[in-house]
């Protein structure tokens, strides 16, 4: 499912206008990104947690030239699914 399909599905279920659903969704995603970028965790109870982790620097190999190279460490966003989400996906209540 892509974003426009998700917006349409929510609009169908809530009978709200698509433009309002899109505004709320865009604002929610922007807020999650800003908070995680600032090092904060975003917990959506029953759904999951968005957070920032640090990936250590490591050695790598260029697959074309087989030359060794250093890959710098970096901050990366992560998502950890909540228990309710996990149970729903597994088909358990």
PDB file of N, CA and C in Angstrom:
ATOM      1  N   UNK A   1       0.853  -1.175   0.000  1.00  0.00           N
ATOM      2  CA  UNK A   1       0.000   0.000   0.000  1.00  0.00           C
ATOM      3  C   UNK A   1       0.894   1.232   0.000  1.00  0.00           C
ATOM      4  N   UNK A   2       0.557   2.172  -0.847  1.00  0.00           N
ATOM      5  CA  UNK A   2       1.306   3.424  -0.903  1.00  0.00           C
ATOM      6  C   UNK A   2       0.494   4.531  -0.214  1.00  0.00           C
ATOM      7  N   UNK A   3       1.151   5.664   0.041  1.00  0.00           N
ATOM      8  CA  UNK A   3       0.548   6.732   0.828  1.00  0.00           C
ATOM      9  C   UNK A   3      -0.835   7.159   0.317  1.00  0.00           C
ATOM     10  N   UNK A   4      -1.024   7.417  -0.984  1.00  0.00           N
ATOM     11  CA  UNK A   4      -2.367   7.819  -1.433  1.00  0.00           C
ATOM     12  C   UNK A   4      -3.439   6.747  -1.161  1.00  0.00           C
ATOM     13  N   UNK A   5      -3.065   5.488  -1.255  1.00  0.00           N
ATOM     14  CA  UNK A   5      -4.014   4.412  -0.951  1.00  0.00           C
ATOM     15  C   UNK A   5      -4.346   4.393   0.539  1.00  0.00           C
ATOM     16  N   UNK A   6      -3.342   4.627   1.371  1.00  0.00           N
ATOM     17  CA  UNK A   6      -3.566   4.677   2.814  1.00  0.00           C
ATOM     18  C   UNK A   6      -4.491   5.841   3.171  1.00  0.00           C
ATOM     19  N   UNK A   7      -4.247   6.986   2.568  1.00  0.00           N
ATOM     20  CA  UNK A   7      -5.099   8.154   2.803  1.00  0.00           C
ATOM     21  C   UNK A   7      -6.536   7.850   2.386  1.00  0.00           C
ATOM     22  N   UNK A   8      -6.706   7.230   1.231  1.00  0.00           N
ATOM     23  CA  UNK A   8      -8.048   6.880   0.757  1.00  0.00           C
ATOM     24  C   UNK A   8      -8.733   5.901   1.706  1.00  0.00           C
ATOM     25  N   UNK A   9      -8.002   4.906   2.189  1.00  0.00           N
ATOM     26  CA  UNK A   9      -8.557   3.912   3.115  1.00  0.00           C
ATOM     27  C   UNK A   9      -9.013   4.575   4.422  1.00  0.00           C
ATOM     28  N   UNK A  10      -8.189   5.475   4.947  1.00  0.00           N
ATOM     29  CA  UNK A  10      -8.558   6.181   6.183  1.00  0.00           C
ATOM     30  C   UNK A  10      -9.772   7.073   5.926  1.00  0.00           C
ATOM     31  N   UNK A  11      -9.781   7.769   4.788  1.00  0.00           N
ATOM     32  CA  UNK A  11     -10.930   8.621   4.447  1.00  0.00           C
ATOM     33  C   UNK A  11     -12.209   7.805   4.344  1.00  0.00           C
ATOM     34  N   UNK A  12     -12.130   6.618   3.751  1.00  0.00           N
ATOM     35  CA  UNK A  12     -13.302   5.749   3.631  1.00  0.00           C
ATOM     36  C   UNK A  12     -13.799   5.309   5.006  1.00  0.00           C
ATOM     37  N   UNK A  13     -12.872   4.955   5.889  1.00  0.00           N
ATOM     38  CA  UNK A  13     -13.259   4.454   7.209  1.00  0.00           C
ATOM     39  C   UNK A  13     -13.777   5.554   8.126  1.00  0.00           C
ATOM     40  N   UNK A  14     -13.249   6.762   7.990  1.00  0.00           N
ATOM     41  CA  UNK A  14     -13.629   7.846   8.898  1.00  0.00           C
ATOM     42  C   UNK A  14     -14.650   8.804   8.286  1.00  0.00           C
ATOM     43  N   UNK A  15     -14.839   8.705   6.979  1.00  0.00           N
ATOM     44  CA  UNK A  15     -15.725   9.618   6.234  1.00  0.00           C
ATOM     45  C   UNK A  15     -15.274  11.069   6.372  1.00  0.00           C
ATOM     46  N   UNK A  16     -13.952  11.234   6.504  1.00  0.00           N
ATOM     47  CA  UNK A  16     -13.368  12.575   6.547  1.00  0.00           C
ATOM     48  C   UNK A  16     -12.796  12.895   5.175  1.00  0.00           C
ATOM     49  N   UNK A  17     -12.673  14.184   4.832  1.00  0.00           N
ATOM     50  CA  UNK A  17     -12.105  14.556   3.525  1.00  0.00           C
ATOM     51  C   UNK A  17     -10.632  14.123   3.419  1.00  0.00           C
ATOM     52  N   UNK A  18     -10.265  13.686   2.228  1.00  0.00           N
ATOM     53  CA  UNK A  18      -8.889  13.216   2.005  1.00  0.00           C
ATOM     54  C   UNK A  18      -7.856  14.296   2.282  1.00  0.00           C
ATOM     55  N   UNK A  19      -8.176  15.548   1.963  1.00  0.00           N
ATOM     56  CA  UNK A  19      -7.179  16.606   2.177  1.00  0.00           C
ATOM     57  C   UNK A  19      -6.888  16.799   3.667  1.00  0.00           C
ATOM     58  N   UNK A  20      -7.878  16.591   4.522  1.00  0.00           N
ATOM     59  CA  UNK A  20      -7.642  16.705   5.977  1.00  0.00           C
ATOM     60  C   UNK A  20      -6.833  15.508   6.482  1.00  0.00           C
ATOM     61  N   UNK A  21      -7.134  14.330   5.969  1.00  0.00           N
ATOM     62  CA  UNK A  21      -6.369  13.131   6.338  1.00  0.00           C
ATOM     63  C   UNK A  21      -4.908  13.319   5.930  1.00  0.00           C
ATOM     64  N   UNK A  22      -4.682  13.812   4.726  1.00  0.00           N
ATOM     65  CA  UNK A  22      -3.315  14.022   4.236  1.00  0.00           C
ATOM     66  C   UNK A  22      -2.572  15.048   5.091  1.00  0.00           C
ATOM     67  N   UNK A  23      -3.251  16.126   5.491  1.00  0.00           N
ATOM     68  CA  UNK A  23      -2.629  17.139   6.340  1.00  0.00           C
ATOM     69  C   UNK A  23      -2.213  16.542   7.683  1.00  0.00           C
ATOM     70  N   UNK A  24      -3.095  15.776   8.293  1.00  0.00           N
ATOM     71  CA  UNK A  24      -2.781  15.147   9.580  1.00  0.00           C
ATOM     72  C   UNK A  24      -1.628  14.163   9.426  1.00  0.00           C
ATOM     73  N   UNK A  25      -1.676  13.337   8.372  1.00  0.00           N
ATOM     74  CA  UNK A  25      -0.622  12.343   8.163  1.00  0.00           C
ATOM     75  C   UNK A  25       0.724  13.016   7.920  1.00  0.00           C
ATOM     76  N   UNK A  26       0.749  14.038   7.082  1.00  0.00           N
ATOM     77  CA  UNK A  26       2.003  14.751   6.805  1.00  0.00           C
ATOM     78  C   UNK A  26       2.558  15.393   8.070  1.00  0.00           C
ATOM     79  N   UNK A  27       1.678  15.991   8.869  1.00  0.00           N
ATOM     80  CA  UNK A  27       2.109  16.627  10.119  1.00  0.00           C
ATOM     81  C   UNK A  27       2.639  15.587  11.097  1.00  0.00           C
ATOM     82  N   UNK A  28       1.969  14.438  11.183  1.00  0.00           N
ATOM     83  CA  UNK A  28       2.411  13.373  12.080  1.00  0.00           C
ATOM     84  C   UNK A  28       3.796  12.865  11.668  1.00  0.00           C
ATOM     85  N   UNK A  29       3.974  12.588  10.385  1.00  0.00           N
ATOM     86  CA  UNK A  29       5.264  12.079   9.915  1.00  0.00           C
ATOM     87  C   UNK A  29       6.374  13.111  10.103  1.00  0.00           C
ATOM     88  N   UNK A  30       6.079  14.364   9.816  1.00  0.00           N
ATOM     89  CA  UNK A  30       7.070  15.426  10.000  1.00  0.00           C
ATOM     90  C   UNK A  30       7.475  15.534  11.469  1.00  0.00           C
ATOM     91  N   UNK A  31       6.509  15.426  12.362  1.00  0.00           N
ATOM     92  CA  UNK A  31       6.781  15.508  13.800  1.00  0.00           C
ATOM     93  C   UNK A  31       7.626  14.327  14.261  1.00  0.00           C
ATOM     94  N   UNK A  32       7.296  13.119  13.807  1.00  0.00           N
ATOM     95  CA  UNK A  32       8.085  11.936  14.163  1.00  0.00           C
ATOM     96  C   UNK A  32       9.520  12.107  13.679  1.00  0.00           C
ATOM     97  N   UNK A  33       9.702  12.535  12.442  1.00  0.00           N
ATOM     98  CA  UNK A  33      11.047  12.725  11.883  1.00  0.00           C
ATOM     99  C   UNK A  33      11.825  13.765  12.690  1.00  0.00           C
ATOM    100  N   UNK A  34      11.192  14.903  12.995  1.00  0.00           N
ATOM    101  CA  UNK A  34      11.872  15.959  13.755  1.00  0.00           C
ATOM    102  C   UNK A  34      12.291  15.475  15.138  1.00  0.00           C
ATOM    103  N   UNK A  35      11.411  14.752  15.822  1.00  0.00           N
ATOM    104  CA  UNK A  35      11.725  14.273  17.165  1.00  0.00           C
ATOM    105  C   UNK A  35      12.858  13.247  17.142  1.00  0.00           C
ATOM    106  N   UNK A  36      12.804  12.294  16.214  1.00  0.00           N
ATOM    107  CA  UNK A  36      13.856  11.273  16.126  1.00  0.00           C
ATOM    108  C   UNK A  36      15.178  11.922  15.732  1.00  0.00           C
ATOM    109  N   UNK A  37      15.118  12.876  14.810  1.00  0.00           N
ATOM    110  CA  UNK A  37      16.325  13.594  14.394  1.00  0.00           C
ATOM    111  C   UNK A  37      16.985  14.290  15.577  1.00  0.00           C
ATOM    112  N   UNK A  38      16.163  14.769  16.532  1.00  0.00           N
ATOM    113  CA  UNK A  38      16.678  15.437  17.725  1.00  0.00           C
ATOM    114  C   UNK A  38      17.075  14.457  18.828  1.00  0.00           C
ATOM    115  N   UNK A  39      17.016  13.156  18.535  1.00  0.00           N
ATOM    116  CA  UNK A  39      17.442  12.155  19.502  1.00  0.00           C
ATOM    117  C   UNK A  39      16.353  11.672  20.441  1.00  0.00           C
ATOM    118  N   UNK A  40      15.130  12.078  20.210  1.00  0.00           N
ATOM    119  CA  UNK A  40      14.006  11.675  21.058  1.00  0.00           C
ATOM    120  C   UNK A  40      13.388  10.374  20.550  1.00  0.00           C
ATOM    121  N   UNK A  41      12.787   9.629  21.468  1.00  0.00           N
ATOM    122  CA  UNK A  41      12.012   8.451  21.096  1.00  0.00           C
ATOM    123  C   UNK A  41      10.570   8.886  20.896  1.00  0.00           C
ATOM    124  N   UNK A  42       9.907   8.277  19.924  1.00  0.00           N
ATOM    125  CA  UNK A  42       8.484   8.530  19.711  1.00  0.00           C
ATOM    126  C   UNK A  42       7.769   7.203  19.919  1.00  0.00           C
ATOM    127  N   UNK A  43       6.990   7.118  20.992  1.00  0.00           N
ATOM    128  CA  UNK A  43       6.275   5.906  21.356  1.00  0.00           C
ATOM    129  C   UNK A  43       4.805   6.069  21.013  1.00  0.00           C
ATOM    130  N   UNK A  44       4.307   5.182  20.173  1.00  0.00           N
ATOM    131  CA  UNK A  44       2.882   5.133  19.863  1.00  0.00           C
ATOM    132  C   UNK A  44       2.384   3.840  20.480  1.00  0.00           C
ATOM    133  N   UNK A  45       1.712   3.967  21.605  1.00  0.00           N
ATOM    134  CA  UNK A  45       1.305   2.814  22.404  1.00  0.00           C
ATOM    135  C   UNK A  45       0.560   1.783  21.559  1.00  0.00           C
ATOM    136  N   UNK A  46       0.995   0.531  21.648  1.00  0.00           N
ATOM    137  CA  UNK A  46       0.389  -0.558  20.907  1.00  0.00           C
ATOM    138  C   UNK A  46       0.910  -0.705  19.490  1.00  0.00           C
ATOM    139  N   UNK A  47       1.541   0.342  18.967  1.00  0.00           N
ATOM    140  CA  UNK A  47       2.055   0.303  17.597  1.00  0.00           C
ATOM    141  C   UNK A  47       3.561   0.089  17.576  1.00  0.00           C
ATOM    142  N   UNK A  48       4.306   0.968  18.260  1.00  0.00           N
ATOM    143  CA  UNK A  48       5.749   0.800  18.279  1.00  0.00           C
ATOM    144  C   UNK A  48       6.493   2.048  18.686  1.00  0.00           C
ATOM    145  N   UNK A  49       7.814   1.970  18.542  1.00  0.00           N
ATOM    146  CA  UNK A  49       8.705   3.057  18.944  1.00  0.00           C
ATOM    147  C   UNK A  49       9.631   3.399  17.786  1.00  0.00           C
ATOM    148  N   UNK A  50       9.705   4.676  17.482  1.00  0.00           N
ATOM    149  CA  UNK A  50      10.682   5.195  16.528  1.00  0.00           C
ATOM    150  C   UNK A  50      11.821   5.775  17.354  1.00  0.00           C
ATOM    151  N   UNK A  51      13.067   5.437  17.011  1.00  0.00           N
ATOM    152  CA  UNK A  51      14.196   5.950  17.784  1.00  0.00           C
ATOM    153  C   UNK A  51      15.441   6.021  16.912  1.00  0.00           C
ATOM    154  N   UNK A  52      16.462   6.649  17.445  1.00  0.00           N
ATOM    155  CA  UNK A  52      17.720   6.856  16.737  1.00  0.00           C
ATOM    156  C   UNK A  52      18.791   5.958  17.343  1.00  0.00           C
ATOM    157  N   UNK A  53      19.568   5.307  16.505  1.00  0.00           N
ATOM    158  CA  UNK A  53      20.700   4.516  16.985  1.00  0.00           C
ATOM    159  C   UNK A  53      21.958   4.935  16.223  1.00  0.00           C
ATOM    160  N   UNK A  54      23.085   4.526  16.755  1.00  0.00           N
ATOM    161  CA  UNK A  54      24.352   4.834  16.102  1.00  0.00           C
ATOM    162  C   UNK A  54      24.937   3.557  15.511  1.00  0.00           C
ATOM    163  N   UNK A  55      25.230   3.603  14.223  1.00  0.00           N
ATOM    164  CA  UNK A  55      25.894   2.479  13.563  1.00  0.00           C
ATOM    165  C   UNK A  55      27.388   2.758  13.593  1.00  0.00           C
ATOM    166  N   UNK A  56      28.163   1.814  14.140  1.00  0.00           N
ATOM    167  CA  UNK A  56      29.613   1.982  14.270  1.00  0.00           C
ATOM    168  C   UNK A  56      30.289   2.003  12.904  1.00  0.00           C
ATOM    169  N   UNK A  57      31.457   2.643  12.875  1.00  0.00           N
ATOM    170  CA  UNK A  57      32.292   2.613  11.671  1.00  0.00           C
ATOM    171  C   UNK A  57      32.750   1.178  11.444  1.00  0.00           C
ATOM    172  N   UNK A  58      32.915   0.823  10.175  1.00  0.00           N
ATOM    173  CA  UNK A  58      33.319  -0.551   9.877  1.00  0.00           C
ATOM    174  C   UNK A  58      34.101  -0.591   8.569  1.00  0.00           C
ATOM    175  N   UNK A  59      34.778  -1.706   8.353  1.00  0.00           N
ATOM    176  CA  UNK A  59      35.501  -1.912   7.114  1.00  0.00           C
ATOM    177  C   UNK A  59      34.581  -2.547   6.087  1.00  0.00           C
ATOM    178  N   UNK A  60      34.750  -2.175   4.842  1.00  0.00           N
ATOM    179  CA  UNK A  60      33.958  -2.737   3.762  1.00  0.00           C
ATOM    180  C   UNK A  60      34.836  -3.008   2.555  1.00  0.00           C
ATOM    181  N   UNK A  61      34.238  -3.578   1.536  1.00  0.00           N
ATOM    182  CA  UNK A  61      34.956  -3.876   0.297  1.00  0.00           C
ATOM    183  C   UNK A  61      34.116  -3.378  -0.870  1.00  0.00           C
ATOM    184  N   UNK A  62      34.726  -2.613  -1.764  1.00  0.00           N
ATOM    185  CA  UNK A  62      34.057  -2.180  -2.977  1.00  0.00           C
ATOM    186  C   UNK A  62      33.853  -3.416  -3.858  1.00  0.00           C
ATOM    187  N   UNK A  63      32.625  -3.800  -4.168  1.00  0.00           N
ATOM    188  CA  UNK A  63      32.398  -5.034  -4.923  1.00  0.00           C
ATOM    189  C   UNK A  63      32.938  -4.986  -6.354  1.00  0.00           C
ATOM    190  N   UNK A  64      33.085  -3.790  -6.910  1.00  0.00           N
ATOM    191  CA  UNK A  64      33.598  -3.688  -8.287  1.00  0.00           C
ATOM    192  C   UNK A  64      35.106  -3.820  -8.366  1.00  0.00           C
ATOM    193  N   UNK A  65      35.810  -3.186  -7.413  1.00  0.00           N
ATOM    194  CA  UNK A  65      37.276  -3.165  -7.475  1.00  0.00           C
ATOM    195  C   UNK A  65      37.929  -4.065  -6.435  1.00  0.00           C
ATOM    196  N   UNK A  66      37.141  -4.593  -5.509  1.00  0.00           N
ATOM    197  CA  UNK A  66      37.633  -5.412  -4.388  1.00  0.00           C
ATOM    198  C   UNK A  66      38.550  -4.612  -3.452  1.00  0.00           C
ATOM    199  N   UNK A  67      38.553  -3.296  -3.608  1.00  0.00           N
ATOM    200  CA  UNK A  67      39.367  -2.431  -2.769  1.00  0.00           C
ATOM    201  C   UNK A  67      38.717  -2.295  -1.387  1.00  0.00           C
ATOM    202  N   UNK A  68      39.566  -2.367  -0.348  1.00  0.00           N
ATOM    203  CA  UNK A  68      39.058  -2.191   1.018  1.00  0.00           C
ATOM    204  C   UNK A  68      38.794  -0.715   1.247  1.00  0.00           C
ATOM    205  N   UNK A  69      37.748  -0.444   2.020  1.00  0.00           N
ATOM    206  CA  UNK A  69      37.433   0.936   2.334  1.00  0.00           C
ATOM    207  C   UNK A  69      36.846   1.034   3.731  1.00  0.00           C
ATOM    208  N   UNK A  70      36.898   2.231   4.289  1.00  0.00           N
ATOM    209  CA  UNK A  70      36.365   2.496   5.617  1.00  0.00           C
ATOM    210  C   UNK A  70      34.982   3.109   5.466  1.00  0.00           C
ATOM    211  N   UNK A  71      33.990   2.516   6.114  1.00  0.00           N
ATOM    212  CA  UNK A  71      32.633   3.050   6.117  1.00  0.00           C
ATOM    213  C   UNK A  71      32.450   3.778   7.444  1.00  0.00           C
ATOM    214  N   UNK A  72      32.149   5.058   7.372  1.00  0.00           N
ATOM    215  CA  UNK A  72      32.016   5.883   8.571  1.00  0.00           C
ATOM    216  C   UNK A  72      30.803   5.471   9.403  1.00  0.00           C
ATOM    217  N   UNK A  73      30.884   5.719  10.704  1.00  0.00           N
ATOM    218  CA  UNK A  73      29.731   5.516  11.575  1.00  0.00           C
ATOM    219  C   UNK A  73      28.677   6.563  11.259  1.00  0.00           C
ATOM    220  N   UNK A  74      27.451   6.263  11.592  1.00  0.00           N
ATOM    221  CA  UNK A  74      26.372   7.214  11.314  1.00  0.00           C
ATOM    222  C   UNK A  74      25.171   6.970  12.209  1.00  0.00           C
ATOM    223  N   UNK A  75      24.340   7.974  12.322  1.00  0.00           N
ATOM    224  CA  UNK A  75      23.079   7.862  13.037  1.00  0.00           C
ATOM    225  C   UNK A  75      22.049   7.279  12.070  1.00  0.00           C
ATOM    226  N   UNK A  76      21.253   6.330  12.533  1.00  0.00           N
ATOM    227  CA  UNK A  76      20.223   5.740  11.683  1.00  0.00           C
ATOM    228  C   UNK A  76      18.910   5.624  12.455  1.00  0.00           C
ATOM    229  N   UNK A  77      17.789   5.908  11.785  1.00  0.00           N
ATOM    230  CA  UNK A  77      16.497   5.751  12.451  1.00  0.00           C
ATOM    231  C   UNK A  77      16.114   4.274  12.510  1.00  0.00           C
ATOM    232  N   UNK A  78      15.427   3.893  13.578  1.00  0.00           N
ATOM    233  CA  UNK A  78      14.968   2.510  13.745  1.00  0.00           C
ATOM    234  C   UNK A  78      13.510   2.529  14.191  1.00  0.00           C
ATOM    235  N   UNK A  79      12.832   1.429  13.909  1.00  0.00           N
ATOM    236  CA  UNK A  79      11.462   1.242  14.382  1.00  0.00           C
ATOM    237  C   UNK A  79      11.387  -0.115  15.058  1.00  0.00           C
ATOM    238  N   UNK A  80      10.818  -0.144  16.250  1.00  0.00           N
ATOM    239  CA  UNK A  80      10.606  -1.399  16.962  1.00  0.00           C
ATOM    240  C   UNK A  80       9.104  -1.547  17.173  1.00  0.00           C
ATOM    241  N   UNK A  81       8.540  -2.605  16.600  1.00  0.00           N
ATOM    242  CA  UNK A  81       7.095  -2.826  16.681  1.00  0.00           C
ATOM    243  C   UNK A  81       6.666  -3.128  18.109  1.00  0.00           C
ATOM    244  N   UNK A  82       5.491  -2.629  18.485  1.00  0.00           N
ATOM    245  CA  UNK A  82       4.923  -2.880  19.801  1.00  0.00           C
ATOM    246  C   UNK A  82       4.272  -4.259  19.856  1.00  0.00           C
ATOM    247  N   UNK A  83       4.006  -4.717  21.062  1.00  0.00           N
ATOM    248  CA  UNK A  83       3.437  -6.057  21.250  1.00  0.00           C
ATOM    249  C   UNK A  83       2.087  -6.229  20.573  1.00  0.00           C
ATOM    250  N   UNK A  84       1.229  -5.233  20.674  1.00  0.00           N
ATOM    251  CA  UNK A  84      -0.092  -5.336  20.052  1.00  0.00           C
ATOM    252  C   UNK A  84       0.042  -5.487  18.537  1.00  0.00           C
ATOM    253  N   UNK A  85       0.950  -4.740  17.936  1.00  0.00           N
ATOM    254  CA  UNK A  85       1.208  -4.822  16.502  1.00  0.00           C
ATOM    255  C   UNK A  85       1.744  -6.219  16.145  1.00  0.00           C
ATOM    256  N   UNK A  86       2.703  -6.695  16.913  1.00  0.00           N
ATOM    257  CA  UNK A  86       3.284  -8.013  16.657  1.00  0.00           C
ATOM    258  C   UNK A  86       2.239  -9.117  16.749  1.00  0.00           C
ATOM    259  N   UNK A  87       1.392  -9.049  17.780  1.00  0.00           N
ATOM    260  CA  UNK A  87       0.342 -10.075  17.943  1.00  0.00           C
ATOM    261  C   UNK A  87      -0.639 -10.028  16.783  1.00  0.00           C
ATOM    262  N   UNK A  88      -1.001  -8.837  16.330  1.00  0.00           N
ATOM    263  CA  UNK A  88      -1.948  -8.706  15.220  1.00  0.00           C
ATOM    264  C   UNK A  88      -1.371  -9.318  13.946  1.00  0.00           C
ATOM    265  N   UNK A  89      -0.100  -9.095  13.696  1.00  0.00           N
ATOM    266  CA  UNK A  89       0.551  -9.637  12.505  1.00  0.00           C
ATOM    267  C   UNK A  89       0.639 -11.167  12.574  1.00  0.00           C
ATOM    268  N   UNK A  90       0.857 -11.677  13.789  1.00  0.00           N
ATOM    269  CA  UNK A  90       0.941 -13.131  13.966  1.00  0.00           C
ATOM    270  C   UNK A  90      -0.429 -13.781  14.013  1.00  0.00           C
ATOM    271  N   UNK A  91      -1.500 -12.980  14.036  1.00  0.00           N
ATOM    272  CA  UNK A  91      -2.849 -13.512  14.060  1.00  0.00           C
ATOM    273  C   UNK A  91      -3.329 -13.911  15.437  1.00  0.00           C
ATOM    274  N   UNK A  92      -2.706 -13.344  16.474  1.00  0.00           N
ATOM    275  CA  UNK A  92      -3.093 -13.648  17.853  1.00  0.00           C
ATOM    276  C   UNK A  92      -3.788 -12.433  18.453  1.00  0.00           C
ATOM    277  N   UNK A  93      -4.645 -12.663  19.433  1.00  0.00           N
ATOM    278  CA  UNK A  93      -5.342 -11.544  20.079  1.00  0.00           C
ATOM    279  C   UNK A  93      -4.662 -11.099  21.327  1.00  0.00           C
TER     280      UNK A  93
END
